[in-house]
ModelCIF file with pLDDT and N, C-alpha, C, O atoms, coordinates in Angstrom:
data_MODEL
#
_entry.id   MODEL 
#
_entity.id                         1 
_entity.type                       polymer 
_entity.pdbx_number_of_molecules   1 
#
_entity_poly.entity_id                      1 
_entity_poly.type                           'polypeptide(L)' 
_entity_poly.nstd_linkage                   no 
_entity_poly.nstd_monomer                   no 
_entity_poly.pdbx_seq_one_letter_code       RQPGTYAEYIAVSSLSLARKPSSLSHVEAAGVPLAALTAWG 
_entity_poly.pdbx_seq_one_letter_code_can   RQPGTYAEYIAVSSLSLARKPSSLSHVEAAGVPLAALTAWG 
_entity_poly.pdbx_strand_id                 A 
#
loop_
_entity_poly_seq.entity_id 
_entity_poly_seq.num 
_entity_poly_seq.mon_id 
_entity_poly_seq.hetero 
1 1  ARG n 
1 2  GLN n 
1 3  PRO n 
1 4  GLY n 
1 5  THR n 
1 6  TYR n 
1 7  ALA n 
1 8  GLU n 
1 9  TYR n 
1 10 ILE n 
1 11 ALA n 
1 12 VAL n 
1 13 SER n 
1 14 SER n 
1 15 LEU n 
1 16 SER n 
1 17 LEU n 
1 18 ALA n 
1 19 ARG n 
1 20 LYS n 
1 21 PRO n 
1 22 SER n 
1 23 SER n 
1 24 LEU n 
1 25 SER n 
1 26 HIS n 
1 27 VAL n 
1 28 GLU n 
1 29 ALA n 
1 30 ALA n 
1 31 GLY n 
1 32 VAL n 
1 33 PRO n 
1 34 LEU n 
1 35 ALA n 
1 36 ALA n 
1 37 LEU n 
1 38 THR n 
1 39 ALA n 
1 40 TRP n 
1 41 GLY n 
#
_struct_asym.id          A 
_struct_asym.entity_id   1 
#
loop_
_ma_qa_metric.id 
_ma_qa_metric.mode 
_ma_qa_metric.name 
_ma_qa_metric.software_group_id 
_ma_qa_metric.type 
1 global pLDDT . pLDDT 
2 local  pLDDT . pLDDT 
#
_ma_qa_metric_global.metric_id      1 
_ma_qa_metric_global.metric_value   97.49 
_ma_qa_metric_global.model_id       1 
_ma_qa_metric_global.ordinal_id     1 
#
loop_
_ma_qa_metric_local.label_asym_id 
_ma_qa_metric_local.label_comp_id 
_ma_qa_metric_local.label_seq_id 
_ma_qa_metric_local.metric_id 
_ma_qa_metric_local.metric_value 
_ma_qa_metric_local.model_id 
_ma_qa_metric_local.ordinal_id 
A ARG 1  2 93.00 1 1  
A GLN 2  2 93.00 1 2  
A PRO 3  2 96.00 1 3  
A GLY 4  2 98.00 1 4  
A THR 5  2 98.00 1 5  
A TYR 6  2 98.00 1 6  
A ALA 7  2 98.00 1 7  
A GLU 8  2 98.00 1 8  
A TYR 9  2 98.00 1 9  
A ILE 10 2 98.00 1 10 
A ALA 11 2 98.00 1 11 
A VAL 12 2 98.00 1 12 
A SER 13 2 97.00 1 13 
A SER 14 2 96.00 1 14 
A LEU 15 2 96.00 1 15 
A SER 16 2 97.00 1 16 
A LEU 17 2 97.00 1 17 
A ALA 18 2 98.00 1 18 
A ARG 19 2 98.00 1 19 
A LYS 20 2 98.00 1 20 
A PRO 21 2 98.00 1 21 
A SER 22 2 97.00 1 22 
A SER 23 2 97.00 1 23 
A LEU 24 2 98.00 1 24 
A SER 25 2 98.00 1 25 
A HIS 26 2 98.00 1 26 
A VAL 27 2 98.00 1 27 
A GLU 28 2 98.00 1 28 
A ALA 29 2 98.00 1 29 
A ALA 30 2 98.00 1 30 
A GLY 31 2 98.00 1 31 
A VAL 32 2 98.00 1 32 
A PRO 33 2 98.00 1 33 
A LEU 34 2 98.00 1 34 
A ALA 35 2 98.00 1 35 
A ALA 36 2 98.00 1 36 
A LEU 37 2 98.00 1 37 
A THR 38 2 98.00 1 38 
A ALA 39 2 98.00 1 39 
A TRP 40 2 98.00 1 40 
A GLY 41 2 98.00 1 41 
#
loop_
_atom_site.group_PDB 
_atom_site.id 
_atom_site.type_symbol 
_atom_site.label_atom_id 
_atom_site.label_alt_id 
_atom_site.label_comp_id 
_atom_site.label_asym_id 
_atom_site.label_entity_id 
_atom_site.label_seq_id 
_atom_site.pdbx_PDB_ins_code 
_atom_site.Cartn_x 
_atom_site.Cartn_y 
_atom_site.Cartn_z 
_atom_site.occupancy 
_atom_site.B_iso_or_equiv 
_atom_site.pdbx_formal_charge 
_atom_site.auth_seq_id 
_atom_site.auth_comp_id 
_atom_site.auth_asym_id 
_atom_site.auth_atom_id 
_atom_site.pdbx_PDB_model_num 
ATOM 1   N N  . ARG A 1 1  ? -20.435 35.778 40.688 1.00 93.00 ? 1  ARG A N  1 
ATOM 2   C CA . ARG A 1 1  ? -19.249 35.303 40.035 1.00 93.00 ? 1  ARG A CA 1 
ATOM 3   C C  . ARG A 1 1  ? -19.528 34.120 39.112 1.00 93.00 ? 1  ARG A C  1 
ATOM 4   O O  . ARG A 1 1  ? -18.837 33.937 38.110 1.00 93.00 ? 1  ARG A O  1 
ATOM 5   N N  . GLN A 1 2  ? -20.530 33.325 39.444 1.00 93.00 ? 2  GLN A N  1 
ATOM 6   C CA . GLN A 1 2  ? -20.947 32.177 38.636 1.00 93.00 ? 2  GLN A CA 1 
ATOM 7   C C  . GLN A 1 2  ? -22.449 32.216 38.459 1.00 93.00 ? 2  GLN A C  1 
ATOM 8   O O  . GLN A 1 2  ? -23.154 32.811 39.275 1.00 93.00 ? 2  GLN A O  1 
ATOM 9   N N  . PRO A 1 3  ? -22.962 31.578 37.383 1.00 96.00 ? 3  PRO A N  1 
ATOM 10  C CA . PRO A 1 3  ? -24.423 31.448 37.248 1.00 96.00 ? 3  PRO A CA 1 
ATOM 11  C C  . PRO A 1 3  ? -24.974 30.704 38.455 1.00 96.00 ? 3  PRO A C  1 
ATOM 12  O O  . PRO A 1 3  ? -24.300 29.862 39.048 1.00 96.00 ? 3  PRO A O  1 
ATOM 13  N N  . GLY A 1 4  ? -26.245 31.039 38.815 1.00 98.00 ? 4  GLY A N  1 
ATOM 14  C CA . GLY A 1 4  ? -26.834 30.518 39.998 1.00 98.00 ? 4  GLY A CA 1 
ATOM 15  C C  . GLY A 1 4  ? -27.500 29.155 39.854 1.00 98.00 ? 4  GLY A C  1 
ATOM 16  O O  . GLY A 1 4  ? -27.345 28.459 38.850 1.00 98.00 ? 4  GLY A O  1 
ATOM 17  N N  . THR A 1 5  ? -28.228 28.811 40.871 1.00 98.00 ? 5  THR A N  1 
ATOM 18  C CA . THR A 1 5  ? -28.754 27.431 41.022 1.00 98.00 ? 5  THR A CA 1 
ATOM 19  C C  . THR A 1 5  ? -30.224 27.299 40.592 1.00 98.00 ? 5  THR A C  1 
ATOM 20  O O  . THR A 1 5  ? -30.767 26.203 40.731 1.00 98.00 ? 5  THR A O  1 
ATOM 21  N N  . TYR A 1 6  ? -30.881 28.299 40.099 1.00 98.00 ? 6  TYR A N  1 
ATOM 22  C CA . TYR A 1 6  ? -32.211 28.213 39.585 1.00 98.00 ? 6  TYR A CA 1 
ATOM 23  C C  . TYR A 1 6  ? -32.174 27.580 38.218 1.00 98.00 ? 6  TYR A C  1 
ATOM 24  O O  . TYR A 1 6  ? -32.703 28.147 37.262 1.00 98.00 ? 6  TYR A O  1 
ATOM 25  N N  . ALA A 1 7  ? -31.554 26.403 38.098 1.00 98.00 ? 7  ALA A N  1 
ATOM 26  C CA . ALA A 1 7  ? -31.277 25.753 36.820 1.00 98.00 ? 7  ALA A CA 1 
ATOM 27  C C  . ALA A 1 7  ? -31.084 24.262 37.007 1.00 98.00 ? 7  ALA A C  1 
ATOM 28  O O  . ALA A 1 7  ? -30.916 23.774 38.124 1.00 98.00 ? 7  ALA A O  1 
ATOM 29  N N  . GLU A 1 8  ? -31.112 23.551 35.895 1.00 98.00 ? 8  GLU A N  1 
ATOM 30  C CA . GLU A 1 8  ? -30.957 22.087 35.954 1.00 98.00 ? 8  GLU A CA 1 
ATOM 31  C C  . GLU A 1 8  ? -29.546 21.670 36.326 1.00 98.00 ? 8  GLU A C  1 
ATOM 32  O O  . GLU A 1 8  ? -29.353 20.629 36.955 1.00 98.00 ? 8  GLU A O  1 
ATOM 33  N N  . TYR A 1 9  ? -28.543 22.480 35.939 1.00 98.00 ? 9  TYR A N  1 
ATOM 34  C CA . TYR A 1 9  ? -27.127 22.110 36.149 1.00 98.00 ? 9  TYR A CA 1 
ATOM 35  C C  . TYR A 1 9  ? -26.359 23.347 36.651 1.00 98.00 ? 9  TYR A C  1 
ATOM 36  O O  . TYR A 1 9  ? -26.724 24.483 36.349 1.00 98.00 ? 9  TYR A O  1 
ATOM 37  N N  . ILE A 1 10 ? -25.334 23.109 37.391 1.00 98.00 ? 10 ILE A N  1 
ATOM 38  C CA . ILE A 1 10 ? -24.416 24.177 37.831 1.00 98.00 ? 10 ILE A CA 1 
ATOM 39  C C  . ILE A 1 10 ? -22.971 23.649 37.709 1.00 98.00 ? 10 ILE A C  1 
ATOM 40  O O  . ILE A 1 10 ? -22.732 22.442 37.743 1.00 98.00 ? 10 ILE A O  1 
ATOM 41  N N  . ALA A 1 11 ? -22.036 24.567 37.569 1.00 98.00 ? 11 ALA A N  1 
ATOM 42  C CA . ALA A 1 11 ? -20.619 24.264 37.744 1.00 98.00 ? 11 ALA A CA 1 
ATOM 43  C C  . ALA A 1 11 ? -20.178 24.883 39.082 1.00 98.00 ? 11 ALA A C  1 
ATOM 44  O O  . ALA A 1 11 ? -20.441 26.058 39.335 1.00 98.00 ? 11 ALA A O  1 
ATOM 45  N N  . VAL A 1 12 ? -19.522 24.110 39.919 1.00 98.00 ? 12 VAL A N  1 
ATOM 46  C CA . VAL A 1 12 ? -19.251 24.538 41.276 1.00 98.00 ? 12 VAL A CA 1 
ATOM 47  C C  . VAL A 1 12 ? -17.902 24.083 41.731 1.00 98.00 ? 12 VAL A C  1 
ATOM 48  O O  . VAL A 1 12 ? -17.525 22.951 41.429 1.00 98.00 ? 12 VAL A O  1 
ATOM 49  N N  . SER A 1 13 ? -17.135 24.897 42.447 1.00 97.00 ? 13 SER A N  1 
ATOM 50  C CA . SER A 1 13 ? -15.826 24.575 42.923 1.00 97.00 ? 13 SER A CA 1 
ATOM 51  C C  . SER A 1 13 ? -15.877 23.431 43.914 1.00 97.00 ? 13 SER A C  1 
ATOM 52  O O  . SER A 1 13 ? -16.862 23.268 44.634 1.00 97.00 ? 13 SER A O  1 
ATOM 53  N N  . SER A 1 14 ? -14.826 22.644 43.952 1.00 96.00 ? 14 SER A N  1 
ATOM 54  C CA . SER A 1 14 ? -14.712 21.551 44.921 1.00 96.00 ? 14 SER A CA 1 
ATOM 55  C C  . SER A 1 14 ? -14.652 22.108 46.357 1.00 96.00 ? 14 SER A C  1 
ATOM 56  O O  . SER A 1 14 ? -14.929 21.366 47.299 1.00 96.00 ? 14 SER A O  1 
ATOM 57  N N  . LEU A 1 15 ? -14.308 23.360 46.546 1.00 96.00 ? 15 LEU A N  1 
ATOM 58  C CA . LEU A 1 15 ? -14.234 24.007 47.869 1.00 96.00 ? 15 LEU A CA 1 
ATOM 59  C C  . LEU A 1 15 ? -15.591 24.428 48.376 1.00 96.00 ? 15 LEU A C  1 
ATOM 60  O O  . LEU A 1 15 ? -15.725 24.800 49.541 1.00 96.00 ? 15 LEU A O  1 
ATOM 61  N N  . SER A 1 16 ? -16.621 24.377 47.513 1.00 97.00 ? 16 SER A N  1 
ATOM 62  C CA . SER A 1 16 ? -17.916 24.959 47.812 1.00 97.00 ? 16 SER A CA 1 
ATOM 63  C C  . SER A 1 16 ? -19.016 23.973 48.080 1.00 97.00 ? 16 SER A C  1 
ATOM 64  O O  . SER A 1 16 ? -20.170 24.373 48.232 1.00 97.00 ? 16 SER A O  1 
ATOM 65  N N  . LEU A 1 17 ? -18.702 22.689 48.146 1.00 97.00 ? 17 LEU A N  1 
ATOM 66  C CA . LEU A 1 17 ? -19.738 21.692 48.365 1.00 97.00 ? 17 LEU A CA 1 
ATOM 67  C C  . LEU A 1 17 ? -19.302 20.621 49.334 1.00 97.00 ? 17 LEU A C  1 
ATOM 68  O O  . LEU A 1 17 ? -18.128 20.531 49.691 1.00 97.00 ? 17 LEU A O  1 
ATOM 69  N N  . ALA A 1 18 ? -20.240 19.818 49.752 1.00 98.00 ? 18 ALA A N  1 
ATOM 70  C CA . ALA A 1 18 ? -19.999 18.705 50.675 1.00 98.00 ? 18 ALA A CA 1 
ATOM 71  C C  . ALA A 1 18 ? -20.969 17.602 50.369 1.00 98.00 ? 18 ALA A C  1 
ATOM 72  O O  . ALA A 1 18 ? -21.935 17.821 49.637 1.00 98.00 ? 18 ALA A O  1 
ATOM 73  N N  . ARG A 1 19 ? -20.747 16.425 50.902 1.00 98.00 ? 19 ARG A N  1 
ATOM 74  C CA . ARG A 1 19 ? -21.741 15.329 50.727 1.00 98.00 ? 19 ARG A CA 1 
ATOM 75  C C  . ARG A 1 19 ? -22.997 15.719 51.446 1.00 98.00 ? 19 ARG A C  1 
ATOM 76  O O  . ARG A 1 19 ? -22.988 16.252 52.555 1.00 98.00 ? 19 ARG A O  1 
ATOM 77  N N  . LYS A 1 20 ? -24.102 15.423 50.749 1.00 98.00 ? 20 LYS A N  1 
ATOM 78  C CA . LYS A 1 20 ? -25.414 15.683 51.365 1.00 98.00 ? 20 LYS A CA 1 
ATOM 79  C C  . LYS A 1 20 ? -25.658 14.757 52.545 1.00 98.00 ? 20 LYS A C  1 
ATOM 80  O O  . LYS A 1 20 ? -25.453 13.549 52.426 1.00 98.00 ? 20 LYS A O  1 
ATOM 81  N N  . PRO A 1 21 ? -26.080 15.281 53.655 1.00 98.00 ? 21 PRO A N  1 
ATOM 82  C CA . PRO A 1 21 ? -26.420 14.395 54.807 1.00 98.00 ? 21 PRO A CA 1 
ATOM 83  C C  . PRO A 1 21 ? -27.460 13.386 54.410 1.00 98.00 ? 21 PRO A C  1 
ATOM 84  O O  . PRO A 1 21 ? -28.502 13.757 53.871 1.00 98.00 ? 21 PRO A O  1 
ATOM 85  N N  . SER A 1 22 ? -27.206 12.103 54.664 1.00 97.00 ? 22 SER A N  1 
ATOM 86  C CA . SER A 1 22 ? -28.080 11.060 54.207 1.00 97.00 ? 22 SER A CA 1 
ATOM 87  C C  . SER A 1 22 ? -29.464 11.123 54.857 1.00 97.00 ? 22 SER A C  1 
ATOM 88  O O  . SER A 1 22 ? -30.435 10.579 54.331 1.00 97.00 ? 22 SER A O  1 
ATOM 89  N N  . SER A 1 23 ? -29.536 11.794 56.006 1.00 97.00 ? 23 SER A N  1 
ATOM 90  C CA . SER A 1 23 ? -30.795 11.896 56.701 1.00 97.00 ? 23 SER A CA 1 
ATOM 91  C C  . SER A 1 23 ? -31.751 12.942 56.142 1.00 97.00 ? 23 SER A C  1 
ATOM 92  O O  . SER A 1 23 ? -32.927 12.988 56.503 1.00 97.00 ? 23 SER A O  1 
ATOM 93  N N  . LEU A 1 24 ? -31.218 13.787 55.246 1.00 98.00 ? 24 LEU A N  1 
ATOM 94  C CA . LEU A 1 24 ? -32.012 14.860 54.679 1.00 98.00 ? 24 LEU A CA 1 
ATOM 95  C C  . LEU A 1 24 ? -32.424 14.549 53.223 1.00 98.00 ? 24 LEU A C  1 
ATOM 96  O O  . LEU A 1 24 ? -31.658 13.955 52.465 1.00 98.00 ? 24 LEU A O  1 
ATOM 97  N N  . SER A 1 25 ? -33.598 14.947 52.869 1.00 98.00 ? 25 SER A N  1 
ATOM 98  C CA . SER A 1 25 ? -34.029 14.901 51.472 1.00 98.00 ? 25 SER A CA 1 
ATOM 99  C C  . SER A 1 25 ? -33.273 16.026 50.713 1.00 98.00 ? 25 SER A C  1 
ATOM 100 O O  . SER A 1 25 ? -32.642 16.892 51.321 1.00 98.00 ? 25 SER A O  1 
ATOM 101 N N  . HIS A 1 26 ? -33.361 15.979 49.370 1.00 98.00 ? 26 HIS A N  1 
ATOM 102 C CA . HIS A 1 26 ? -32.751 17.080 48.635 1.00 98.00 ? 26 HIS A CA 1 
ATOM 103 C C  . HIS A 1 26 ? -33.391 18.413 48.905 1.00 98.00 ? 26 HIS A C  1 
ATOM 104 O O  . HIS A 1 26 ? -32.714 19.440 48.943 1.00 98.00 ? 26 HIS A O  1 
ATOM 105 N N  . VAL A 1 27 ? -34.702 18.403 49.094 1.00 98.00 ? 27 VAL A N  1 
ATOM 106 C CA . VAL A 1 27 ? -35.433 19.658 49.399 1.00 98.00 ? 27 VAL A CA 1 
ATOM 107 C C  . VAL A 1 27 ? -34.941 20.200 50.741 1.00 98.00 ? 27 VAL A C  1 
ATOM 108 O O  . VAL A 1 27 ? -34.676 21.398 50.850 1.00 98.00 ? 27 VAL A O  1 
ATOM 109 N N  . GLU A 1 28 ? -34.812 19.357 51.762 1.00 98.00 ? 28 GLU A N  1 
ATOM 110 C CA . GLU A 1 28 ? -34.311 19.840 53.055 1.00 98.00 ? 28 GLU A CA 1 
ATOM 111 C C  . GLU A 1 28 ? -32.865 20.326 52.919 1.00 98.00 ? 28 GLU A C  1 
ATOM 112 O O  . GLU A 1 28 ? -32.518 21.394 53.424 1.00 98.00 ? 28 GLU A O  1 
ATOM 113 N N  . ALA A 1 29 ? -32.036 19.556 52.249 1.00 98.00 ? 29 ALA A N  1 
ATOM 114 C CA . ALA A 1 29 ? -30.650 19.915 52.108 1.00 98.00 ? 29 ALA A CA 1 
ATOM 115 C C  . ALA A 1 29 ? -30.455 21.261 51.409 1.00 98.00 ? 29 ALA A C  1 
ATOM 116 O O  . ALA A 1 29 ? -29.556 22.023 51.764 1.00 98.00 ? 29 ALA A O  1 
ATOM 117 N N  . ALA A 1 30 ? -31.283 21.546 50.434 1.00 98.00 ? 30 ALA A N  1 
ATOM 118 C CA . ALA A 1 30 ? -31.182 22.783 49.686 1.00 98.00 ? 30 ALA A CA 1 
ATOM 119 C C  . ALA A 1 30 ? -31.476 23.990 50.562 1.00 98.00 ? 30 ALA A C  1 
ATOM 120 O O  . ALA A 1 30 ? -31.069 25.102 50.224 1.00 98.00 ? 30 ALA A O  1 
ATOM 121 N N  . GLY A 1 31 ? -32.155 23.807 51.653 1.00 98.00 ? 31 GLY A N  1 
ATOM 122 C CA . GLY A 1 31 ? -32.485 24.899 52.570 1.00 98.00 ? 31 GLY A CA 1 
ATOM 123 C C  . GLY A 1 31 ? -31.342 25.192 53.562 1.00 98.00 ? 31 GLY A C  1 
ATOM 124 O O  . GLY A 1 31 ? -31.458 26.102 54.383 1.00 98.00 ? 31 GLY A O  1 
ATOM 125 N N  . VAL A 1 32 ? -30.270 24.447 53.492 1.00 98.00 ? 32 VAL A N  1 
ATOM 126 C CA . VAL A 1 32 ? -29.236 24.570 54.514 1.00 98.00 ? 32 VAL A CA 1 
ATOM 127 C C  . VAL A 1 32 ? -28.114 25.558 54.170 1.00 98.00 ? 32 VAL A C  1 
ATOM 128 O O  . VAL A 1 32 ? -27.881 26.465 54.970 1.00 98.00 ? 32 VAL A O  1 
ATOM 129 N N  . PRO A 1 33 ? -27.423 25.453 53.069 1.00 98.00 ? 33 PRO A N  1 
ATOM 130 C CA . PRO A 1 33 ? -26.046 26.022 52.965 1.00 98.00 ? 33 PRO A CA 1 
ATOM 131 C C  . PRO A 1 33 ? -25.874 27.488 53.266 1.00 98.00 ? 33 PRO A C  1 
ATOM 132 O O  . PRO A 1 33 ? -25.151 27.839 54.199 1.00 98.00 ? 33 PRO A O  1 
ATOM 133 N N  . LEU A 1 34 ? -26.528 28.375 52.492 1.00 98.00 ? 34 LEU A N  1 
ATOM 134 C CA . LEU A 1 34 ? -26.282 29.804 52.733 1.00 98.00 ? 34 LEU A CA 1 
ATOM 135 C C  . LEU A 1 34 ? -26.739 30.239 54.115 1.00 98.00 ? 34 LEU A C  1 
ATOM 136 O O  . LEU A 1 34 ? -26.019 30.975 54.791 1.00 98.00 ? 34 LEU A O  1 
ATOM 137 N N  . ALA A 1 35 ? -27.926 29.803 54.559 1.00 98.00 ? 35 ALA A N  1 
ATOM 138 C CA . ALA A 1 35 ? -28.457 30.220 55.842 1.00 98.00 ? 35 ALA A CA 1 
ATOM 139 C C  . ALA A 1 35 ? -27.613 29.678 56.987 1.00 98.00 ? 35 ALA A C  1 
ATOM 140 O O  . ALA A 1 35 ? -27.271 30.408 57.918 1.00 98.00 ? 35 ALA A O  1 
ATOM 141 N N  . ALA A 1 36 ? -27.279 28.396 56.913 1.00 98.00 ? 36 ALA A N  1 
ATOM 142 C CA . ALA A 1 36 ? -26.514 27.747 58.003 1.00 98.00 ? 36 ALA A CA 1 
ATOM 143 C C  . ALA A 1 36 ? -25.107 28.303 58.037 1.00 98.00 ? 36 ALA A C  1 
ATOM 144 O O  . ALA A 1 36 ? -24.587 28.587 59.116 1.00 98.00 ? 36 ALA A O  1 
ATOM 145 N N  . LEU A 1 37 ? -24.475 28.467 56.882 1.00 98.00 ? 37 LEU A N  1 
ATOM 146 C CA . LEU A 1 37 ? -23.121 29.035 56.872 1.00 98.00 ? 37 LEU A CA 1 
ATOM 147 C C  . LEU A 1 37 ? -23.093 30.455 57.384 1.00 98.00 ? 37 LEU A C  1 
ATOM 148 O O  . LEU A 1 37 ? -22.142 30.844 58.063 1.00 98.00 ? 37 LEU A O  1 
ATOM 149 N N  . THR A 1 38 ? -24.137 31.261 57.070 1.00 98.00 ? 38 THR A N  1 
ATOM 150 C CA . THR A 1 38 ? -24.204 32.622 57.611 1.00 98.00 ? 38 THR A CA 1 
ATOM 151 C C  . THR A 1 38 ? -24.377 32.583 59.103 1.00 98.00 ? 38 THR A C  1 
ATOM 152 O O  . THR A 1 38 ? -23.692 33.308 59.824 1.00 98.00 ? 38 THR A O  1 
ATOM 153 N N  . ALA A 1 39 ? -25.263 31.766 59.578 1.00 98.00 ? 39 ALA A N  1 
ATOM 154 C CA . ALA A 1 39 ? -25.507 31.668 61.043 1.00 98.00 ? 39 ALA A CA 1 
ATOM 155 C C  . ALA A 1 39 ? -24.237 31.171 61.752 1.00 98.00 ? 39 ALA A C  1 
ATOM 156 O O  . ALA A 1 39 ? -23.867 31.713 62.793 1.00 98.00 ? 39 ALA A O  1 
ATOM 157 N N  . TRP A 1 40 ? -23.573 30.158 61.207 1.00 98.00 ? 40 TRP A N  1 
ATOM 158 C CA . TRP A 1 40 ? -22.329 29.655 61.801 1.00 98.00 ? 40 TRP A CA 1 
ATOM 159 C C  . TRP A 1 40 ? -21.271 30.713 61.859 1.00 98.00 ? 40 TRP A C  1 
ATOM 160 O O  . TRP A 1 40 ? -20.595 30.870 62.876 1.00 98.00 ? 40 TRP A O  1 
ATOM 161 N N  . GLY A 1 41 ? -21.117 31.445 60.775 1.00 98.00 ? 41 GLY A N  1 
ATOM 162 C CA . GLY A 1 41 ? -20.109 32.527 60.765 1.00 98.00 ? 41 GLY A CA 1 
ATOM 163 C C  . GLY A 1 41 ? -20.386 33.597 61.782 1.00 98.00 ? 41 GLY A C  1 
ATOM 164 O O  . GLY A 1 41 ? -19.627 34.561 61.887 1.00 98.00 ? 41 GLY A O  1 
#
């Protein structure tokens, strides 16, 4: 539906993001959303 994240910038809905956990690096945080949301669901 939207261009993906293999890019320097993205446009993303306010319903689709959250504050990054402060304990995680950006690399660690990028490994979370799709996999964790799938597992949670």
